[in-house]
């Protein structure tokens, strides 16, 4: 197939992945890796490297809009990165060593199970437009992990404070590990830590996740680049496509109801989890 046509296909697929990733805080990589490997027969580790670059592009494009709209909480994001960055470095290193062992089907199934296991708890909170009765822990109060944002849908300023920081840090380390291993933003786990453990409003969780996935992806991508798992023919159109898609998604999010964002998030988790498990078991 002509090289230009292949690059164009990568670009078009990445637009869709970037749009969905920006809207749900997923980063798009969890969609890109299976498509590149199954649909385009790209070597798994090269797909992981290209995906990591796409996640970085998504975060950069969407993150700027969310910061401008005062939805991203930079203080909370940087605090949680002390757990995700080490996880990403370790995860990327593990992937490099597992590349020759053929254990990726097991990893796909494991990741799919993790995604499915997170759905029930998040679904139970789906009716809450804004979290209520949040009690910040001592660390959150000391570090001032809170703020406010203007909710266009509610027509008012919404204050918030982080709740349980310790479990959030644990989930974030796991998110970084998964991000480094699969070249994805692992925004699924990041949003659940922000929305579940810290009990932030869903819009703040999604926007902050988009900021964080870029920092995490940069850590993992650095390891993969040093190991030679970056192909510019794949990574360049993918990065451009995800940038376009993520910009479109970031324009839509601020005007949506938190409940709508949560439903999109849960549906995407379920679909992607089933897809990962099916491919890991050889049924797709």
C-alpha atoms as a PDB file:
ATOM      1  CA  UNK A   1       0.000   0.000   0.000  1.00  0.00           C
ATOM      2  CA  UNK A   2       1.213   3.500  -0.843  1.00  0.00           C
ATOM      3  CA  UNK A   3       3.027   5.163   2.046  1.00  0.00           C
ATOM      4  CA  UNK A   4       1.011   8.384   1.689  1.00  0.00           C
ATOM      5  CA  UNK A   5      -2.267   6.463   1.788  1.00  0.00           C
ATOM      6  CA  UNK A   6      -1.174   4.590   4.902  1.00  0.00           C
ATOM      7  CA  UNK A   7      -0.249   7.867   6.596  1.00  0.00           C
ATOM      8  CA  UNK A   8      -3.651   9.313   5.632  1.00  0.00           C
ATOM      9  CA  UNK A   9      -5.443   6.304   7.123  1.00  0.00           C
ATOM     10  CA  UNK A  10      -3.426   6.669  10.318  1.00  0.00           C
ATOM     11  CA  UNK A  11      -4.392  10.347  10.402  1.00  0.00           C
ATOM     12  CA  UNK A  12      -8.135   9.696   9.940  1.00  0.00           C
ATOM     13  CA  UNK A  13      -8.255   6.926  12.533  1.00  0.00           C
ATOM     14  CA  UNK A  14      -6.355   9.119  14.979  1.00  0.00           C
ATOM     15  CA  UNK A  15      -8.892  11.958  14.559  1.00  0.00           C
ATOM     16  CA  UNK A  16     -11.661   9.716  15.851  1.00  0.00           C
ATOM     17  CA  UNK A  17      -9.517   8.349  18.657  1.00  0.00           C
ATOM     18  CA  UNK A  18      -8.436  11.822  19.705  1.00  0.00           C
ATOM     19  CA  UNK A  19     -12.009  13.085  19.758  1.00  0.00           C
ATOM     20  CA  UNK A  20     -13.236  10.264  21.973  1.00  0.00           C
ATOM     21  CA  UNK A  21     -10.144  10.411  24.143  1.00  0.00           C
ATOM     22  CA  UNK A  22     -10.497  14.132  24.755  1.00  0.00           C
ATOM     23  CA  UNK A  23     -14.199  13.888  25.566  1.00  0.00           C
ATOM     24  CA  UNK A  24     -13.798  11.092  28.108  1.00  0.00           C
ATOM     25  CA  UNK A  25     -10.281  11.783  29.382  1.00  0.00           C
ATOM     26  CA  UNK A  26      -9.024   8.506  27.901  1.00  0.00           C
ATOM     27  CA  UNK A  27      -6.245   9.918  25.752  1.00  0.00           C
ATOM     28  CA  UNK A  28      -7.247   7.962  22.644  1.00  0.00           C
ATOM     29  CA  UNK A  29      -4.372   5.487  22.970  1.00  0.00           C
ATOM     30  CA  UNK A  30      -6.554   2.692  24.291  1.00  0.00           C
ATOM     31  CA  UNK A  31      -8.392   2.839  20.950  1.00  0.00           C
ATOM     32  CA  UNK A  32      -5.318   3.356  18.780  1.00  0.00           C
ATOM     33  CA  UNK A  33      -3.178   0.451  19.994  1.00  0.00           C
ATOM     34  CA  UNK A  34      -5.688  -2.309  19.062  1.00  0.00           C
ATOM     35  CA  UNK A  35      -6.458  -0.648  15.708  1.00  0.00           C
ATOM     36  CA  UNK A  36      -2.796  -0.250  14.763  1.00  0.00           C
ATOM     37  CA  UNK A  37      -1.939  -3.820  15.766  1.00  0.00           C
ATOM     38  CA  UNK A  38      -5.018  -5.611  14.407  1.00  0.00           C
ATOM     39  CA  UNK A  39      -6.067  -3.363  11.541  1.00  0.00           C
ATOM     40  CA  UNK A  40      -2.681  -2.230  10.243  1.00  0.00           C
ATOM     41  CA  UNK A  41      -0.475  -5.108  11.499  1.00  0.00           C
ATOM     42  CA  UNK A  42       1.895  -2.710  13.214  1.00  0.00           C
ATOM     43  CA  UNK A  43       4.370  -4.299  15.607  1.00  0.00           C
ATOM     44  CA  UNK A  44       2.917  -4.064  19.112  1.00  0.00           C
ATOM     45  CA  UNK A  45       5.764  -2.103  20.659  1.00  0.00           C
ATOM     46  CA  UNK A  46       5.865   0.338  17.725  1.00  0.00           C
ATOM     47  CA  UNK A  47       2.116   0.822  18.187  1.00  0.00           C
ATOM     48  CA  UNK A  48       2.708   1.520  21.870  1.00  0.00           C
ATOM     49  CA  UNK A  49       5.354   4.111  20.986  1.00  0.00           C
ATOM     50  CA  UNK A  50       3.131   5.854  18.427  1.00  0.00           C
ATOM     51  CA  UNK A  51       0.225   5.780  20.853  1.00  0.00           C
ATOM     52  CA  UNK A  52       2.304   7.404  23.571  1.00  0.00           C
ATOM     53  CA  UNK A  53       3.077  10.288  21.192  1.00  0.00           C
ATOM     54  CA  UNK A  54      -0.619  10.579  20.310  1.00  0.00           C
ATOM     55  CA  UNK A  55      -1.542  10.738  23.991  1.00  0.00           C
ATOM     56  CA  UNK A  56       0.964  13.530  24.472  1.00  0.00           C
ATOM     57  CA  UNK A  57      -0.555  15.415  21.511  1.00  0.00           C
ATOM     58  CA  UNK A  58      -4.094  14.908  22.837  1.00  0.00           C
ATOM     59  CA  UNK A  59      -3.168  16.189  26.270  1.00  0.00           C
ATOM     60  CA  UNK A  60      -1.404  19.241  24.868  1.00  0.00           C
ATOM     61  CA  UNK A  61      -4.269  20.231  22.563  1.00  0.00           C
ATOM     62  CA  UNK A  62      -7.200  19.529  24.864  1.00  0.00           C
ATOM     63  CA  UNK A  63      -5.357  20.605  27.993  1.00  0.00           C
ATOM     64  CA  UNK A  64      -4.897  24.168  26.769  1.00  0.00           C
ATOM     65  CA  UNK A  65      -8.641  24.583  26.266  1.00  0.00           C
ATOM     66  CA  UNK A  66      -9.515  23.098  29.634  1.00  0.00           C
ATOM     67  CA  UNK A  67      -6.986  25.314  31.423  1.00  0.00           C
ATOM     68  CA  UNK A  68      -8.449  28.346  29.645  1.00  0.00           C
ATOM     69  CA  UNK A  69     -11.940  27.326  30.812  1.00  0.00           C
ATOM     70  CA  UNK A  70     -10.621  26.903  34.397  1.00  0.00           C
ATOM     71  CA  UNK A  71     -11.658  23.245  34.505  1.00  0.00           C
ATOM     72  CA  UNK A  72      -8.176  21.777  35.000  1.00  0.00           C
ATOM     73  CA  UNK A  73      -6.840  21.718  38.550  1.00  0.00           C
ATOM     74  CA  UNK A  74      -3.079  22.014  38.027  1.00  0.00           C
ATOM     75  CA  UNK A  75      -2.245  21.692  41.726  1.00  0.00           C
ATOM     76  CA  UNK A  76      -4.087  18.380  42.088  1.00  0.00           C
ATOM     77  CA  UNK A  77      -2.720  17.139  38.770  1.00  0.00           C
ATOM     78  CA  UNK A  78       0.910  17.803  39.653  1.00  0.00           C
ATOM     79  CA  UNK A  79       0.447  16.328  43.126  1.00  0.00           C
ATOM     80  CA  UNK A  80      -0.809  13.050  41.651  1.00  0.00           C
ATOM     81  CA  UNK A  81       1.985  12.939  39.051  1.00  0.00           C
ATOM     82  CA  UNK A  82       4.419  11.982  41.819  1.00  0.00           C
ATOM     83  CA  UNK A  83       2.772   8.563  41.597  1.00  0.00           C
ATOM     84  CA  UNK A  84       2.000   8.252  37.867  1.00  0.00           C
ATOM     85  CA  UNK A  85       5.420   9.180  36.465  1.00  0.00           C
ATOM     86  CA  UNK A  86       7.363   6.443  38.321  1.00  0.00           C
ATOM     87  CA  UNK A  87       4.643   3.995  37.313  1.00  0.00           C
ATOM     88  CA  UNK A  88       4.977   4.978  33.632  1.00  0.00           C
ATOM     89  CA  UNK A  89       8.761   4.580  33.681  1.00  0.00           C
ATOM     90  CA  UNK A  90       8.466   1.106  35.189  1.00  0.00           C
ATOM     91  CA  UNK A  91       5.624   0.113  32.847  1.00  0.00           C
ATOM     92  CA  UNK A  92       7.459   1.129  29.668  1.00  0.00           C
ATOM     93  CA  UNK A  93      10.542  -0.763  30.809  1.00  0.00           C
ATOM     94  CA  UNK A  94       8.460  -3.901  31.453  1.00  0.00           C
ATOM     95  CA  UNK A  95       6.918  -3.714  27.975  1.00  0.00           C
ATOM     96  CA  UNK A  96      10.321  -3.582  26.315  1.00  0.00           C
ATOM     97  CA  UNK A  97      11.371  -6.787  28.077  1.00  0.00           C
ATOM     98  CA  UNK A  98       8.025  -8.526  27.444  1.00  0.00           C
ATOM     99  CA  UNK A  99       8.114  -7.753  23.714  1.00  0.00           C
ATOM    100  CA  UNK A 100      10.033 -10.952  22.960  1.00  0.00           C
ATOM    101  CA  UNK A 101       7.997 -13.195  25.277  1.00  0.00           C
ATOM    102  CA  UNK A 102       4.628 -13.044  23.504  1.00  0.00           C
ATOM    103  CA  UNK A 103       2.624 -12.319  26.663  1.00  0.00           C
ATOM    104  CA  UNK A 104       0.553  -9.479  25.214  1.00  0.00           C
ATOM    105  CA  UNK A 105      -2.703 -11.511  25.024  1.00  0.00           C
ATOM    106  CA  UNK A 106      -2.531 -11.979  28.789  1.00  0.00           C
ATOM    107  CA  UNK A 107      -1.922  -8.256  29.268  1.00  0.00           C
ATOM    108  CA  UNK A 108      -4.874  -7.339  27.021  1.00  0.00           C
ATOM    109  CA  UNK A 109      -7.209  -9.595  29.003  1.00  0.00           C
ATOM    110  CA  UNK A 110      -5.901  -8.235  32.303  1.00  0.00           C
ATOM    111  CA  UNK A 111      -6.425  -4.637  31.212  1.00  0.00           C
ATOM    112  CA  UNK A 112      -9.930  -5.440  29.989  1.00  0.00           C
ATOM    113  CA  UNK A 113     -10.850  -7.017  33.322  1.00  0.00           C
ATOM    114  CA  UNK A 114      -9.511  -3.959  35.158  1.00  0.00           C
ATOM    115  CA  UNK A 115     -11.689  -1.668  33.046  1.00  0.00           C
ATOM    116  CA  UNK A 116     -14.790  -3.792  33.619  1.00  0.00           C
ATOM    117  CA  UNK A 117     -14.197  -3.910  37.374  1.00  0.00           C
ATOM    118  CA  UNK A 118     -14.294  -0.120  37.591  1.00  0.00           C
ATOM    119  CA  UNK A 119     -17.736   0.273  36.018  1.00  0.00           C
ATOM    120  CA  UNK A 120     -20.086  -0.703  38.915  1.00  0.00           C
ATOM    121  CA  UNK A 121     -18.754   1.807  41.437  1.00  0.00           C
ATOM    122  CA  UNK A 122     -18.767   4.632  38.935  1.00  0.00           C
ATOM    123  CA  UNK A 123     -22.272   3.744  37.724  1.00  0.00           C
ATOM    124  CA  UNK A 124     -23.653   3.980  41.254  1.00  0.00           C
ATOM    125  CA  UNK A 125     -22.600   7.635  41.340  1.00  0.00           C
ATOM    126  CA  UNK A 126     -23.991   8.482  37.899  1.00  0.00           C
ATOM    127  CA  UNK A 127     -26.880  10.593  39.195  1.00  0.00           C
ATOM    128  CA  UNK A 128     -24.703  13.017  41.099  1.00  0.00           C
ATOM    129  CA  UNK A 129     -24.222  16.178  39.032  1.00  0.00           C
ATOM    130  CA  UNK A 130     -21.947  17.692  41.706  1.00  0.00           C
ATOM    131  CA  UNK A 131     -20.434  15.617  44.593  1.00  0.00           C
ATOM    132  CA  UNK A 132     -21.994  16.361  47.973  1.00  0.00           C
ATOM    133  CA  UNK A 133     -20.808  15.802  51.529  1.00  0.00           C
ATOM    134  CA  UNK A 134     -17.115  15.671  50.574  1.00  0.00           C
ATOM    135  CA  UNK A 135     -14.789  15.599  53.596  1.00  0.00           C
ATOM    136  CA  UNK A 136     -11.171  16.455  52.651  1.00  0.00           C
ATOM    137  CA  UNK A 137      -8.434  14.496  54.429  1.00  0.00           C
ATOM    138  CA  UNK A 138      -5.525  16.105  56.258  1.00  0.00           C
ATOM    139  CA  UNK A 139      -3.169  16.063  53.274  1.00  0.00           C
ATOM    140  CA  UNK A 140      -5.763  17.681  51.013  1.00  0.00           C
ATOM    141  CA  UNK A 141      -6.353  20.467  53.528  1.00  0.00           C
ATOM    142  CA  UNK A 142      -2.626  21.052  54.098  1.00  0.00           C
ATOM    143  CA  UNK A 143      -1.802  21.237  50.384  1.00  0.00           C
ATOM    144  CA  UNK A 144      -4.947  23.183  49.493  1.00  0.00           C
ATOM    145  CA  UNK A 145      -6.160  20.589  47.001  1.00  0.00           C
ATOM    146  CA  UNK A 146      -9.360  22.261  45.925  1.00  0.00           C
ATOM    147  CA  UNK A 147     -10.814  25.147  43.989  1.00  0.00           C
ATOM    148  CA  UNK A 148     -13.862  26.120  41.974  1.00  0.00           C
ATOM    149  CA  UNK A 149     -15.053  26.386  38.392  1.00  0.00           C
ATOM    150  CA  UNK A 150     -17.963  28.016  36.588  1.00  0.00           C
ATOM    151  CA  UNK A 151     -20.446  25.409  35.391  1.00  0.00           C
ATOM    152  CA  UNK A 152     -22.208  26.669  32.258  1.00  0.00           C
ATOM    153  CA  UNK A 153     -24.943  24.070  32.530  1.00  0.00           C
ATOM    154  CA  UNK A 154     -25.760  24.877  36.186  1.00  0.00           C
ATOM    155  CA  UNK A 155     -25.152  28.581  35.688  1.00  0.00           C
ATOM    156  CA  UNK A 156     -23.123  28.999  38.876  1.00  0.00           C
ATOM    157  CA  UNK A 157     -19.695  28.691  40.460  1.00  0.00           C
ATOM    158  CA  UNK A 158     -19.048  25.184  41.803  1.00  0.00           C
ATOM    159  CA  UNK A 159     -16.546  24.839  44.690  1.00  0.00           C
ATOM    160  CA  UNK A 160     -14.820  21.517  45.395  1.00  0.00           C
ATOM    161  CA  UNK A 161     -12.190  19.897  47.644  1.00  0.00           C
ATOM    162  CA  UNK A 162     -10.236  16.654  47.266  1.00  0.00           C
ATOM    163  CA  UNK A 163     -11.254  13.858  49.628  1.00  0.00           C
ATOM    164  CA  UNK A 164      -9.090  10.735  50.072  1.00  0.00           C
ATOM    165  CA  UNK A 165      -5.598  11.371  48.692  1.00  0.00           C
ATOM    166  CA  UNK A 166      -3.930   8.105  49.805  1.00  0.00           C
ATOM    167  CA  UNK A 167      -6.048   5.687  47.725  1.00  0.00           C
ATOM    168  CA  UNK A 168      -5.915   8.175  44.843  1.00  0.00           C
ATOM    169  CA  UNK A 169      -2.103   7.992  44.837  1.00  0.00           C
ATOM    170  CA  UNK A 170      -2.260   4.194  44.760  1.00  0.00           C
ATOM    171  CA  UNK A 171      -4.641   4.169  41.806  1.00  0.00           C
ATOM    172  CA  UNK A 172      -2.489   6.747  40.041  1.00  0.00           C
ATOM    173  CA  UNK A 173       0.631   4.584  40.345  1.00  0.00           C
ATOM    174  CA  UNK A 174      -1.311   1.741  38.744  1.00  0.00           C
ATOM    175  CA  UNK A 175      -2.539   4.113  36.053  1.00  0.00           C
ATOM    176  CA  UNK A 176       1.033   5.152  35.296  1.00  0.00           C
ATOM    177  CA  UNK A 177       2.137   1.513  35.122  1.00  0.00           C
ATOM    178  CA  UNK A 178      -0.637   0.672  32.648  1.00  0.00           C
ATOM    179  CA  UNK A 179       0.064   3.838  30.644  1.00  0.00           C
ATOM    180  CA  UNK A 180       3.726   2.987  30.294  1.00  0.00           C
ATOM    181  CA  UNK A 181       3.077  -0.635  29.331  1.00  0.00           C
ATOM    182  CA  UNK A 182       0.404   0.037  26.704  1.00  0.00           C
ATOM    183  CA  UNK A 183       1.233   3.554  25.522  1.00  0.00           C
ATOM    184  CA  UNK A 184      -2.198   4.752  26.607  1.00  0.00           C
ATOM    185  CA  UNK A 185      -3.200   7.685  28.756  1.00  0.00           C
ATOM    186  CA  UNK A 186      -4.875   5.323  31.244  1.00  0.00           C
ATOM    187  CA  UNK A 187      -7.360   8.138  31.707  1.00  0.00           C
ATOM    188  CA  UNK A 188      -9.904   5.494  32.724  1.00  0.00           C
ATOM    189  CA  UNK A 189      -8.043   4.888  35.968  1.00  0.00           C
ATOM    190  CA  UNK A 190      -7.065   8.548  36.379  1.00  0.00           C
ATOM    191  CA  UNK A 191     -10.650   9.745  36.083  1.00  0.00           C
ATOM    192  CA  UNK A 192     -11.786   7.101  38.563  1.00  0.00           C
ATOM    193  CA  UNK A 193      -9.167   8.250  41.071  1.00  0.00           C
ATOM    194  CA  UNK A 194     -10.146  11.884  40.580  1.00  0.00           C
ATOM    195  CA  UNK A 195     -13.884  11.215  40.514  1.00  0.00           C
ATOM    196  CA  UNK A 196     -14.022   8.299  42.952  1.00  0.00           C
ATOM    197  CA  UNK A 197     -11.290   8.679  45.591  1.00  0.00           C
ATOM    198  CA  UNK A 198     -10.913  12.464  45.470  1.00  0.00           C
ATOM    199  CA  UNK A 199     -14.619  12.985  44.654  1.00  0.00           C
ATOM    200  CA  UNK A 200     -14.063  15.887  42.290  1.00  0.00           C
ATOM    201  CA  UNK A 201     -16.789  17.028  39.867  1.00  0.00           C
ATOM    202  CA  UNK A 202     -16.718  14.917  36.689  1.00  0.00           C
ATOM    203  CA  UNK A 203     -15.788  17.842  34.442  1.00  0.00           C
ATOM    204  CA  UNK A 204     -12.832  18.733  36.663  1.00  0.00           C
ATOM    205  CA  UNK A 205     -11.833  15.052  36.752  1.00  0.00           C
ATOM    206  CA  UNK A 206     -11.913  14.733  32.962  1.00  0.00           C
ATOM    207  CA  UNK A 207     -10.063  18.005  32.348  1.00  0.00           C
ATOM    208  CA  UNK A 208      -7.390  17.263  34.961  1.00  0.00           C
ATOM    209  CA  UNK A 209      -6.987  13.758  33.557  1.00  0.00           C
ATOM    210  CA  UNK A 210      -6.323  15.202  30.102  1.00  0.00           C
ATOM    211  CA  UNK A 211      -3.557  17.337  31.596  1.00  0.00           C
ATOM    212  CA  UNK A 212      -2.041  14.427  33.517  1.00  0.00           C
ATOM    213  CA  UNK A 213      -1.972  11.904  30.685  1.00  0.00           C
ATOM    214  CA  UNK A 214       0.440  14.129  28.764  1.00  0.00           C
ATOM    215  CA  UNK A 215       2.972  14.175  31.598  1.00  0.00           C
ATOM    216  CA  UNK A 216       2.620  10.410  32.083  1.00  0.00           C
ATOM    217  CA  UNK A 217       2.925   9.725  28.337  1.00  0.00           C
ATOM    218  CA  UNK A 218       6.059  11.853  28.102  1.00  0.00           C
ATOM    219  CA  UNK A 219       7.727   9.693  30.765  1.00  0.00           C
ATOM    220  CA  UNK A 220       6.842   6.421  29.031  1.00  0.00           C
ATOM    221  CA  UNK A 221       7.619   7.752  25.549  1.00  0.00           C
ATOM    222  CA  UNK A 222      11.101   8.756  26.677  1.00  0.00           C
ATOM    223  CA  UNK A 223      11.896   5.145  27.623  1.00  0.00           C
ATOM    224  CA  UNK A 224      10.489   3.804  24.340  1.00  0.00           C
ATOM    225  CA  UNK A 225      12.351   6.420  22.296  1.00  0.00           C
ATOM    226  CA  UNK A 226      15.627   5.546  23.971  1.00  0.00           C
ATOM    227  CA  UNK A 227      15.010   1.883  23.172  1.00  0.00           C
ATOM    228  CA  UNK A 228      14.319   2.659  19.475  1.00  0.00           C
ATOM    229  CA  UNK A 229      10.589   1.953  19.435  1.00  0.00           C
ATOM    230  CA  UNK A 230       9.484   5.146  17.679  1.00  0.00           C
ATOM    231  CA  UNK A 231       8.629   5.128  13.955  1.00  0.00           C
ATOM    232  CA  UNK A 232       7.995   8.668  12.635  1.00  0.00           C
ATOM    233  CA  UNK A 233       5.963   7.363   9.672  1.00  0.00           C
ATOM    234  CA  UNK A 234       3.448   6.030  12.175  1.00  0.00           C
ATOM    235  CA  UNK A 235       3.832   8.508  15.021  1.00  0.00           C
ATOM    236  CA  UNK A 236       3.636  11.750  12.980  1.00  0.00           C
ATOM    237  CA  UNK A 237       0.201  11.300  11.310  1.00  0.00           C
ATOM    238  CA  UNK A 238      -1.168   9.742  14.493  1.00  0.00           C
ATOM    239  CA  UNK A 239      -0.036  12.739  16.550  1.00  0.00           C
ATOM    240  CA  UNK A 240      -1.538  15.204  14.051  1.00  0.00           C
ATOM    241  CA  UNK A 241      -4.836  13.300  13.897  1.00  0.00           C
ATOM    242  CA  UNK A 242      -5.233  13.060  17.647  1.00  0.00           C
ATOM    243  CA  UNK A 243      -4.520  16.776  17.963  1.00  0.00           C
ATOM    244  CA  UNK A 244      -7.347  17.629  15.565  1.00  0.00           C
ATOM    245  CA  UNK A 245      -9.747  15.198  17.229  1.00  0.00           C
ATOM    246  CA  UNK A 246      -8.908  16.254  20.773  1.00  0.00           C
ATOM    247  CA  UNK A 247      -9.418  19.930  19.952  1.00  0.00           C
ATOM    248  CA  UNK A 248     -12.904  19.133  18.646  1.00  0.00           C
ATOM    249  CA  UNK A 249     -13.733  17.132  21.760  1.00  0.00           C
ATOM    250  CA  UNK A 250     -12.457  19.799  24.130  1.00  0.00           C
ATOM    251  CA  UNK A 251     -14.816  22.354  22.558  1.00  0.00           C
ATOM    252  CA  UNK A 252     -17.825  20.192  23.389  1.00  0.00           C
ATOM    253  CA  UNK A 253     -17.082  19.138  26.987  1.00  0.00           C
ATOM    254  CA  UNK A 254     -17.609  22.461  28.877  1.00  0.00           C
ATOM    255  CA  UNK A 255     -21.244  22.750  27.765  1.00  0.00           C
ATOM    256  CA  UNK A 256     -22.244  19.191  28.621  1.00  0.00           C
ATOM    257  CA  UNK A 257     -23.971  17.979  31.761  1.00  0.00           C
ATOM    258  CA  UNK A 258     -21.703  16.043  34.135  1.00  0.00           C
ATOM    259  CA  UNK A 259     -24.181  13.176  33.873  1.00  0.00           C
ATOM    260  CA  UNK A 260     -23.771  13.073  30.073  1.00  0.00           C
ATOM    261  CA  UNK A 261     -19.975  13.018  30.394  1.00  0.00           C
ATOM    262  CA  UNK A 262     -20.229  10.162  32.881  1.00  0.00           C
ATOM    263  CA  UNK A 263     -22.479   8.091  30.594  1.00  0.00           C
ATOM    264  CA  UNK A 264     -20.065   8.574  27.669  1.00  0.00           C
ATOM    265  CA  UNK A 265     -17.215   7.559  29.946  1.00  0.00           C
ATOM    266  CA  UNK A 266     -18.962   4.383  31.181  1.00  0.00           C
ATOM    267  CA  UNK A 267     -20.056   3.261  27.719  1.00  0.00           C
ATOM    268  CA  UNK A 268     -16.546   3.721  26.344  1.00  0.00           C
ATOM    269  CA  UNK A 269     -15.080   1.745  29.233  1.00  0.00           C
ATOM    270  CA  UNK A 270     -17.452  -1.162  28.653  1.00  0.00           C
ATOM    271  CA  UNK A 271     -16.898  -1.309  24.878  1.00  0.00           C
ATOM    272  CA  UNK A 272     -13.136  -1.053  25.128  1.00  0.00           C
ATOM    273  CA  UNK A 273     -12.950  -3.622  27.925  1.00  0.00           C
ATOM    274  CA  UNK A 274     -14.901  -6.206  25.913  1.00  0.00           C
ATOM    275  CA  UNK A 275     -12.788  -5.476  22.842  1.00  0.00           C
ATOM    276  CA  UNK A 276      -9.535  -5.929  24.766  1.00  0.00           C
ATOM    277  CA  UNK A 277     -10.657  -9.216  26.347  1.00  0.00           C
ATOM    278  CA  UNK A 278     -11.906 -10.583  23.010  1.00  0.00           C
ATOM    279  CA  UNK A 279      -8.642  -9.772  21.272  1.00  0.00           C
ATOM    280  CA  UNK A 280      -6.593 -11.157  24.136  1.00  0.00           C
ATOM    281  CA  UNK A 281      -8.504 -14.451  23.943  1.00  0.00           C
ATOM    282  CA  UNK A 282      -8.168 -14.561  20.166  1.00  0.00           C
ATOM    283  CA  UNK A 283     -11.837 -13.996  19.354  1.00  0.00           C
ATOM    284  CA  UNK A 284     -11.253 -10.724  17.481  1.00  0.00           C
END
